N, C-alpha and C. Protein backbone atom coordinates (compact mmCIF):
# COMPACT_ATOMS: atom_id res chain seq x y z
N UNK A 1 27.59 29.54 60.22
CA UNK A 1 26.69 29.77 61.62
C UNK A 1 25.23 30.70 60.90
N UNK A 2 25.63 31.68 60.36
CA UNK A 2 24.78 32.86 60.08
C UNK A 2 23.13 31.61 59.85
N UNK A 3 22.89 30.71 59.04
CA UNK A 3 22.28 30.25 59.07
C UNK A 3 21.25 29.74 60.07
N UNK A 4 21.73 29.81 61.12
CA UNK A 4 20.99 29.15 62.27
C UNK A 4 20.72 30.65 62.98
N UNK A 5 20.75 31.89 62.34
CA UNK A 5 20.52 32.87 62.81
C UNK A 5 19.04 33.61 62.77
N UNK A 6 18.18 33.27 63.60
CA UNK A 6 16.48 33.46 63.59
C UNK A 6 15.90 34.78 63.87
N UNK A 7 15.22 34.97 62.77
CA UNK A 7 14.34 36.77 63.04
C UNK A 7 14.52 37.02 64.59
N UNK A 8 13.78 36.45 65.38
CA UNK A 8 13.86 36.77 66.78
C UNK A 8 14.93 37.19 67.51
N UNK A 9 16.11 36.45 66.90
CA UNK A 9 17.68 36.66 67.47
C UNK A 9 18.23 37.97 66.80
N UNK A 10 18.05 38.25 65.96
CA UNK A 10 17.69 39.82 65.05
C UNK A 10 17.27 40.62 65.58
N UNK A 11 16.18 40.66 65.88
CA UNK A 11 14.76 41.56 66.51
C UNK A 11 15.49 41.93 68.22
N UNK A 12 15.91 40.95 68.97
CA UNK A 12 16.44 41.19 70.13
C UNK A 12 17.96 41.50 69.93
N UNK A 13 18.63 41.58 69.11
CA UNK A 13 19.97 42.49 68.68
C UNK A 13 19.64 43.76 68.65
N UNK A 14 18.59 43.89 67.65
CA UNK A 14 18.66 45.40 66.99
C UNK A 14 17.86 46.31 68.41
N UNK A 15 16.64 45.45 69.08
CA UNK A 15 16.41 46.24 69.90
C UNK A 15 17.01 46.53 71.23
N UNK A 16 18.02 45.51 71.47
CA UNK A 16 19.40 45.87 72.91
C UNK A 16 20.03 47.31 71.96
N UNK A 17 20.25 47.02 71.15
CA UNK A 17 21.17 48.50 70.57
C UNK A 17 20.46 49.49 70.58
N UNK A 18 19.53 49.37 69.86
CA UNK A 18 18.49 51.10 69.85
C UNK A 18 17.96 50.88 71.48
N UNK A 19 17.79 50.54 72.06
CA UNK A 19 17.53 50.77 73.78
C UNK A 19 19.12 51.51 74.68
N UNK A 20 20.19 50.83 74.06
CA UNK A 20 21.20 50.61 74.88
C UNK A 20 21.78 52.10 74.37
N UNK A 21 21.94 52.48 73.22
CA UNK A 21 22.29 53.20 72.42
C UNK A 21 21.72 54.75 72.33
N UNK A 22 20.48 54.47 72.28
CA UNK A 22 19.22 55.72 71.98
C UNK A 22 18.10 55.79 73.08
N UNK A 23 18.10 55.03 73.81
CA UNK A 23 16.95 55.10 74.91
C UNK A 23 15.36 54.53 74.03
N UNK A 24 15.57 54.29 72.80
CA UNK A 24 14.72 53.80 72.14
C UNK A 24 14.02 52.42 72.10
N UNK A 25 12.82 52.70 72.53
CA UNK A 25 12.23 51.34 72.65
C UNK A 25 11.66 50.71 71.12
N UNK A 26 11.93 49.64 71.02
CA UNK A 26 11.72 49.28 69.40
C UNK A 26 10.71 47.71 69.41
N UNK A 27 9.53 47.76 68.91
CA UNK A 27 9.02 46.49 69.07
C UNK A 27 9.05 45.61 67.61
N UNK A 28 8.99 44.49 67.63
CA UNK A 28 8.81 43.78 66.13
C UNK A 28 7.70 44.32 65.57
N UNK A 29 7.68 44.20 63.76
CA UNK A 29 6.30 44.48 63.61
C UNK A 29 6.09 43.24 62.66
N UNK A 30 4.69 43.07 62.32
CA UNK A 30 4.57 41.98 61.36
C UNK A 30 4.51 42.78 60.02
N UNK A 31 4.16 43.97 60.51
CA UNK A 31 4.20 44.45 58.41
C UNK A 31 5.30 45.23 58.26
N UNK A 32 5.62 44.79 56.45
CA UNK A 32 7.18 45.05 56.45
C UNK A 32 7.12 46.72 56.60
N UNK A 33 8.11 47.23 56.64
CA UNK A 33 8.63 48.86 56.95
C UNK A 33 8.32 49.42 55.89
N UNK A 34 7.43 50.60 55.71
CA UNK A 34 7.78 51.18 54.45
C UNK A 34 7.90 52.76 54.51
N UNK A 35 9.08 52.96 54.90
CA UNK A 35 10.14 54.21 54.81
C UNK A 35 9.05 55.37 54.00
N UNK A 36 9.05 56.53 54.94
CA UNK A 36 8.39 57.52 54.48
C UNK A 36 9.54 58.16 53.70
N UNK A 37 9.60 58.15 52.20
CA UNK A 37 10.94 58.80 51.58
C UNK A 37 10.73 60.71 51.37
N UNK A 38 9.76 60.73 51.42
CA UNK A 38 9.02 61.97 50.95
C UNK A 38 10.24 63.10 51.31
N UNK A 39 10.43 62.90 53.44
CA UNK A 39 11.46 63.87 53.94
C UNK A 39 12.83 63.79 54.21
N UNK A 40 13.15 62.84 53.06
CA UNK A 40 14.57 62.32 53.38
C UNK A 40 14.80 60.60 53.79
N UNK A 41 15.67 60.13 53.83
CA UNK A 41 16.07 58.62 53.69
C UNK A 41 17.55 58.62 53.80
N UNK A 42 17.41 57.55 55.38
CA UNK A 42 18.89 56.95 55.70
C UNK A 42 19.45 55.73 55.74
N UNK A 43 20.39 55.16 55.10
CA UNK A 43 20.46 53.98 54.87
C UNK A 43 21.95 53.81 55.70
N UNK A 44 22.29 53.15 56.56
CA UNK A 44 23.56 52.93 57.07
C UNK A 44 23.94 51.34 57.13
N UNK A 45 25.32 50.60 56.96
CA UNK A 45 25.91 49.50 56.53
C UNK A 45 26.88 49.34 56.98
N UNK A 46 27.31 47.78 57.30
CA UNK A 46 28.60 47.44 58.11
C UNK A 46 28.55 46.30 57.23
N UNK A 47 29.66 46.01 56.68
CA UNK A 47 30.40 44.59 56.10
C UNK A 47 31.05 43.79 57.29
N UNK A 48 30.59 42.46 57.04
CA UNK A 48 31.02 41.22 57.75
C UNK A 48 32.14 40.66 57.10
N UNK A 49 33.24 40.22 57.40
CA UNK A 49 34.52 39.93 56.75
C UNK A 49 34.84 38.65 57.50
N UNK A 50 35.08 37.50 56.77
CA UNK A 50 36.31 36.41 57.60
C UNK A 50 35.19 35.19 57.38
N UNK A 51 35.04 34.58 58.57
CA UNK A 51 34.36 33.17 58.23
C UNK A 51 33.04 33.10 57.59
N UNK A 52 32.75 34.41 57.46
CA UNK A 52 31.31 34.59 57.18
C UNK A 52 31.23 36.04 56.65
N UNK A 53 30.85 36.04 55.23
CA UNK A 53 30.92 37.08 54.82
C UNK A 53 29.55 37.61 53.90
N UNK A 54 28.68 38.92 54.39
CA UNK A 54 27.69 39.50 53.97
C UNK A 54 27.72 40.67 54.76
N UNK A 55 26.71 41.91 55.14
CA UNK A 55 26.51 42.93 55.57
C UNK A 55 25.33 42.91 56.23
N UNK A 56 25.06 44.07 57.15
CA UNK A 56 23.96 44.14 57.98
C UNK A 56 23.27 45.60 57.47
N UNK A 57 22.03 45.88 57.11
CA UNK A 57 21.75 46.98 56.40
C UNK A 57 21.09 47.67 57.28
N UNK A 58 20.60 48.74 57.89
CA UNK A 58 19.43 49.67 58.58
C UNK A 58 18.78 50.83 57.41
N UNK A 59 17.51 50.52 57.67
CA UNK A 59 16.87 51.56 56.52
C UNK A 59 16.10 52.47 57.64
N UNK A 60 16.04 53.91 57.30
CA UNK A 60 14.85 54.64 58.38
C UNK A 60 14.78 55.61 57.45
N UNK A 61 13.54 56.12 57.88
CA UNK A 61 13.34 57.77 57.23
C UNK A 61 14.20 58.86 57.81
N UNK A 62 14.24 60.11 57.54
CA UNK A 62 15.18 60.97 58.12
C UNK A 62 14.38 61.45 59.31
N UNK A 63 13.01 61.63 59.48
CA UNK A 63 12.56 61.66 60.93
C UNK A 63 13.03 61.04 61.88
N UNK A 64 13.16 59.69 61.74
CA UNK A 64 13.11 58.47 62.54
C UNK A 64 15.03 58.99 63.13
N UNK A 65 15.73 58.86 62.18
CA UNK A 65 17.20 58.96 62.02
C UNK A 65 17.49 60.72 63.05
N UNK A 66 17.00 61.26 62.80
CA UNK A 66 16.93 62.59 63.32
C UNK A 66 16.76 62.72 65.14
N UNK A 67 15.10 62.02 64.87
CA UNK A 67 14.61 61.83 66.63
C UNK A 67 15.64 60.77 67.59
N UNK A 68 16.46 59.76 66.67
CA UNK A 68 17.25 58.81 66.86
C UNK A 68 18.39 59.46 67.37
N UNK A 69 19.35 60.34 66.90
CA UNK A 69 20.34 60.83 66.74
C UNK A 69 20.10 62.04 67.63
N UNK A 70 18.97 62.74 68.33
CA UNK A 70 18.86 63.33 69.12
C UNK A 70 18.81 62.85 70.17
N UNK A 71 18.16 61.62 70.54
CA UNK A 71 18.04 60.58 71.94
C UNK A 71 19.54 60.25 72.00
N UNK A 72 20.59 60.06 70.91
CA UNK A 72 21.81 59.69 71.33
C UNK A 72 22.32 60.43 72.11
N UNK A 73 22.07 61.96 71.79
CA UNK A 73 23.21 62.86 71.75
C UNK A 73 22.58 63.97 73.00
N UNK A 74 21.66 63.47 73.61
CA UNK A 74 21.00 64.09 74.60
C UNK A 74 20.24 65.72 74.13
N UNK A 75 20.11 66.34 72.88
CA UNK A 75 20.20 67.16 72.37
C UNK A 75 18.33 67.19 71.88
N UNK A 76 18.10 68.85 71.45
CA UNK A 76 16.84 68.68 70.65
C UNK A 76 17.11 68.70 69.00
N UNK A 77 16.04 67.97 68.65
CA UNK A 77 15.84 67.60 67.43
C UNK A 77 16.41 68.75 66.18
N UNK A 78 16.27 70.37 66.74
CA UNK A 78 16.55 71.01 65.99
C UNK A 78 17.98 71.50 66.11
N UNK A 79 18.92 70.90 66.93
CA UNK A 79 20.21 71.27 67.20
C UNK A 79 21.32 69.55 66.74
N UNK A 80 20.16 68.79 65.95
CA UNK A 80 20.83 67.77 64.99
C UNK A 80 21.14 68.02 63.97
N UNK A 81 22.57 67.99 63.22
CA UNK A 81 23.35 68.33 62.09
C UNK A 81 23.52 67.30 61.12
N UNK A 82 23.40 67.46 59.73
CA UNK A 82 23.46 66.15 59.30
C UNK A 82 24.63 65.51 58.96
N UNK A 83 25.44 66.11 59.72
CA UNK A 83 26.81 65.34 60.01
C UNK A 83 26.78 64.23 61.43
N UNK A 84 25.70 65.03 62.55
CA UNK A 84 25.50 64.18 63.62
C UNK A 84 24.43 63.02 63.06
N UNK A 85 23.65 62.85 62.11
CA UNK A 85 22.93 62.06 61.73
C UNK A 85 23.73 61.01 61.17
N UNK A 86 24.81 61.12 60.05
CA UNK A 86 25.72 60.70 59.66
C UNK A 86 26.47 59.51 60.33
N UNK A 87 27.12 60.07 61.53
CA UNK A 87 27.50 59.44 62.66
C UNK A 87 27.03 58.47 63.52
N UNK A 88 25.80 58.87 64.04
CA UNK A 88 24.83 58.17 64.50
C UNK A 88 24.60 57.26 63.80
N UNK A 89 23.89 57.17 62.54
CA UNK A 89 23.70 56.10 61.89
C UNK A 89 24.49 55.07 61.60
N UNK A 90 25.87 55.37 61.32
CA UNK A 90 27.37 54.36 61.62
C UNK A 90 27.04 53.85 62.72
N UNK A 91 27.35 54.69 63.87
CA UNK A 91 27.54 53.34 64.70
C UNK A 91 26.50 52.76 65.43
N UNK A 92 25.09 53.22 64.93
CA UNK A 92 23.99 52.04 64.61
C UNK A 92 24.37 50.68 63.87
N UNK A 93 24.89 50.61 62.82
CA UNK A 93 24.81 49.83 62.24
C UNK A 93 26.28 49.27 62.63
N UNK A 94 27.28 49.96 63.12
CA UNK A 94 28.12 48.99 63.42
C UNK A 94 28.08 48.41 64.67
N UNK A 95 27.33 48.96 65.35
CA UNK A 95 26.86 48.12 66.89
C UNK A 95 25.84 47.10 66.60
N UNK A 96 25.39 47.06 65.61
CA UNK A 96 24.30 45.70 65.24
C UNK A 96 25.26 44.81 64.44
N UNK A 97 25.96 45.37 63.56
CA UNK A 97 26.82 44.49 62.76
C UNK A 97 28.22 43.80 64.35
N UNK A 98 28.64 44.65 65.02
CA UNK A 98 29.54 43.80 66.11
C UNK A 98 28.61 42.96 67.05
N UNK A 99 27.57 42.88 67.00
CA UNK A 99 26.75 42.03 67.89
C UNK A 99 26.35 40.75 67.27
N UNK A 100 26.51 40.93 65.63
CA UNK A 100 25.96 39.74 64.69
C UNK A 100 27.25 38.93 64.52
N UNK A 101 28.32 39.70 64.55
CA UNK A 101 29.63 39.40 64.26
C UNK A 101 30.34 38.52 66.04
N UNK A 102 29.51 38.68 66.78
CA UNK A 102 29.92 38.42 68.04
C UNK A 102 29.06 36.94 68.13
N UNK A 103 28.50 36.63 67.26
CA UNK A 103 27.09 35.25 67.53
C UNK A 103 27.93 34.19 66.48
N UNK A 104 29.05 34.63 65.56
CA UNK A 104 29.70 34.00 64.39
C UNK A 104 30.94 33.23 65.25
N UNK A 105 31.39 32.13 64.09
CA UNK A 105 32.88 31.38 64.14
C UNK A 105 33.31 32.29 63.92
N UNK A 106 34.62 32.77 64.74
CA UNK A 106 35.88 33.64 64.19
C UNK A 106 36.72 32.75 63.51
N UNK A 107 37.41 33.62 62.47
CA UNK A 107 37.71 35.52 62.62
C UNK A 107 36.66 35.75 61.83
N UNK A 108 36.55 36.86 62.48
CA UNK A 108 35.44 37.80 61.59
C UNK A 108 35.76 39.70 61.98
N UNK A 109 35.54 40.11 61.12
CA UNK A 109 36.02 41.74 61.34
C UNK A 109 35.01 42.10 60.36
N UNK A 110 35.02 43.71 61.01
CA UNK A 110 34.01 44.44 60.68
C UNK A 110 34.57 45.27 59.49
N UNK A 111 34.02 45.55 58.38
CA UNK A 111 34.20 47.20 58.13
C UNK A 111 33.79 48.46 58.43
N UNK A 112 34.64 49.07 57.94
CA UNK A 112 33.80 50.73 58.14
C UNK A 112 32.40 50.78 58.27
N UNK A 113 31.82 51.69 59.33
CA UNK A 113 30.21 51.85 58.39
C UNK A 113 30.22 52.95 57.15
N UNK A 114 29.10 52.49 56.09
CA UNK A 114 28.73 53.34 55.03
C UNK A 114 27.63 54.00 55.61
N UNK A 115 27.74 55.12 55.38
CA UNK A 115 26.06 56.11 55.22
C UNK A 115 25.64 56.79 54.55
N UNK A 116 24.75 56.53 53.81
CA UNK A 116 23.81 57.29 52.65
C UNK A 116 22.63 58.10 53.26
N UNK A 117 22.63 59.43 52.67
CA UNK A 117 21.56 59.87 52.78
C UNK A 117 20.36 60.23 51.70
N UNK A 118 19.50 60.80 51.32
CA UNK A 118 19.13 61.39 50.06
C UNK A 118 17.20 61.21 50.06
N UNK A 119 16.89 61.55 48.79
CA UNK A 119 15.00 61.89 48.99
C UNK A 119 14.46 61.05 48.38
N UNK A 120 13.67 61.10 47.20
CA UNK A 120 12.14 59.88 47.34
C UNK A 120 13.37 58.78 46.60
N UNK A 121 14.21 59.71 45.33
CA UNK A 121 14.11 58.80 44.39
C UNK A 121 15.60 58.25 44.92
N UNK A 122 16.21 58.30 45.87
CA UNK A 122 17.19 57.93 46.48
C UNK A 122 17.73 56.31 46.39
N UNK A 123 18.69 55.74 45.90
CA UNK A 123 18.79 54.05 46.41
C UNK A 123 20.19 53.65 46.83
N UNK A 124 20.10 52.46 47.10
CA UNK A 124 20.96 52.14 48.00
C UNK A 124 21.21 50.63 47.74
N UNK A 125 22.18 50.15 47.41
CA UNK A 125 22.66 48.75 46.86
C UNK A 125 23.84 48.02 47.71
N UNK A 126 23.61 47.13 48.09
CA UNK A 126 25.00 46.27 48.40
C UNK A 126 25.08 44.77 47.47
N UNK A 127 25.92 45.22 46.36
CA UNK A 127 25.72 44.53 45.51
C UNK A 127 26.38 42.88 45.32
N UNK A 128 26.35 41.99 44.75
CA UNK A 128 26.78 40.51 44.67
C UNK A 128 26.54 39.91 46.14
N UNK A 129 25.23 40.35 46.63
CA UNK A 129 24.91 39.48 47.97
C UNK A 129 23.24 39.21 47.75
N UNK A 130 22.87 38.52 48.55
CA UNK A 130 21.68 38.24 48.71
C UNK A 130 20.62 38.26 49.99
N UNK A 131 19.56 38.67 50.24
CA UNK A 131 18.66 38.66 51.67
C UNK A 131 18.52 37.61 52.17
N UNK A 132 19.11 37.00 53.30
CA UNK A 132 18.59 35.59 54.28
C UNK A 132 17.55 36.13 55.17
N UNK A 133 17.89 37.46 55.80
CA UNK A 133 16.81 37.68 56.81
C UNK A 133 16.57 39.25 57.11
N UNK A 134 15.50 39.28 57.36
CA UNK A 134 15.11 41.08 57.15
C UNK A 134 13.81 40.87 58.69
N UNK A 135 13.93 42.47 58.88
CA UNK A 135 13.13 42.34 60.21
C UNK A 135 12.63 44.16 60.07
N UNK A 136 10.96 43.79 60.46
CA UNK A 136 10.73 45.60 60.53
C UNK A 136 10.44 45.57 61.96
N UNK A 137 10.93 46.71 62.35
CA UNK A 137 10.16 47.00 64.23
C UNK A 137 10.17 48.50 63.85
N UNK A 138 9.53 48.81 65.11
CA UNK A 138 8.60 50.09 65.17
C UNK A 138 8.65 50.56 66.38
N UNK A 139 8.73 52.00 66.44
CA UNK A 139 8.59 52.23 67.88
C UNK A 139 7.84 53.92 68.03
N UNK A 140 8.11 54.70 69.14
CA UNK A 140 6.80 55.35 69.01
C UNK A 140 7.36 56.61 68.41
N UNK A 141 8.53 56.58 67.79
CA UNK A 141 9.42 57.75 67.18
C UNK A 141 9.52 57.10 65.56
N UNK A 142 9.17 56.04 65.36
CA UNK A 142 9.75 56.05 64.04
C UNK A 142 9.81 54.14 63.71
N UNK A 143 9.88 53.82 62.38
CA UNK A 143 10.58 52.63 62.49
C UNK A 143 11.56 52.12 61.66
N UNK A 144 11.98 51.17 61.69
CA UNK A 144 13.48 50.94 61.16
C UNK A 144 13.29 49.49 60.79
N UNK A 145 14.12 49.33 59.31
CA UNK A 145 13.83 47.98 58.89
C UNK A 145 15.58 47.13 58.95
N UNK A 146 15.70 46.16 59.58
CA UNK A 146 17.06 45.57 59.49
C UNK A 146 17.08 44.36 58.64
N UNK A 147 18.39 44.41 57.77
CA UNK A 147 18.53 43.62 57.00
C UNK A 147 19.31 43.00 56.80
N UNK A 148 19.65 41.08 56.99
CA UNK A 148 21.06 40.87 57.09
C UNK A 148 21.78 40.42 55.11
N UNK A 149 22.41 40.53 54.94
CA UNK A 149 22.62 40.04 53.21
C UNK A 149 24.24 39.32 53.35
N UNK A 150 24.21 38.31 52.60
CA UNK A 150 25.23 37.00 52.60
C UNK A 150 25.71 37.42 50.97
N UNK A 151 26.99 37.26 51.15
CA UNK A 151 27.65 37.52 50.28
C UNK A 151 27.43 36.23 49.07
N UNK A 152 27.07 36.34 47.84
CA UNK A 152 27.03 35.39 47.00
C UNK A 152 28.47 34.61 46.60
N UNK A 153 28.01 32.98 46.08
CA UNK A 153 29.54 32.67 45.83
C UNK A 153 30.24 31.84 47.05
């Protein structure tokens, strides 16, 4: 099933999740997102297991993660904690993965979300997989990179 997923469908899924969860309007970007790691970096991911195995990964700089979290919680950015950012990033990965899972032949299930935060030298890898689809999206508040990774083998 995953082979038939288009970049447009992935974009529509991410746009819907950000709109409904955080009231943020994303638009596809022709340029690949180069997140600014100098102020921190957030990666969230959820794995899909079953008829297809892989993962969905969301990459954003800390500034966009803070703004998104504030929007989701209806609070000022100054009132957002690191725990709030982890929860929001995990929930956004979960909702994006859930949307992708719904497009697949069943049975499929989602793992618990994984969220990592760090600085400029921070790295996050999903091992034993390869990127099959990647999309950059932009908003007035920041940029997002959505990646679909398929398990090798």
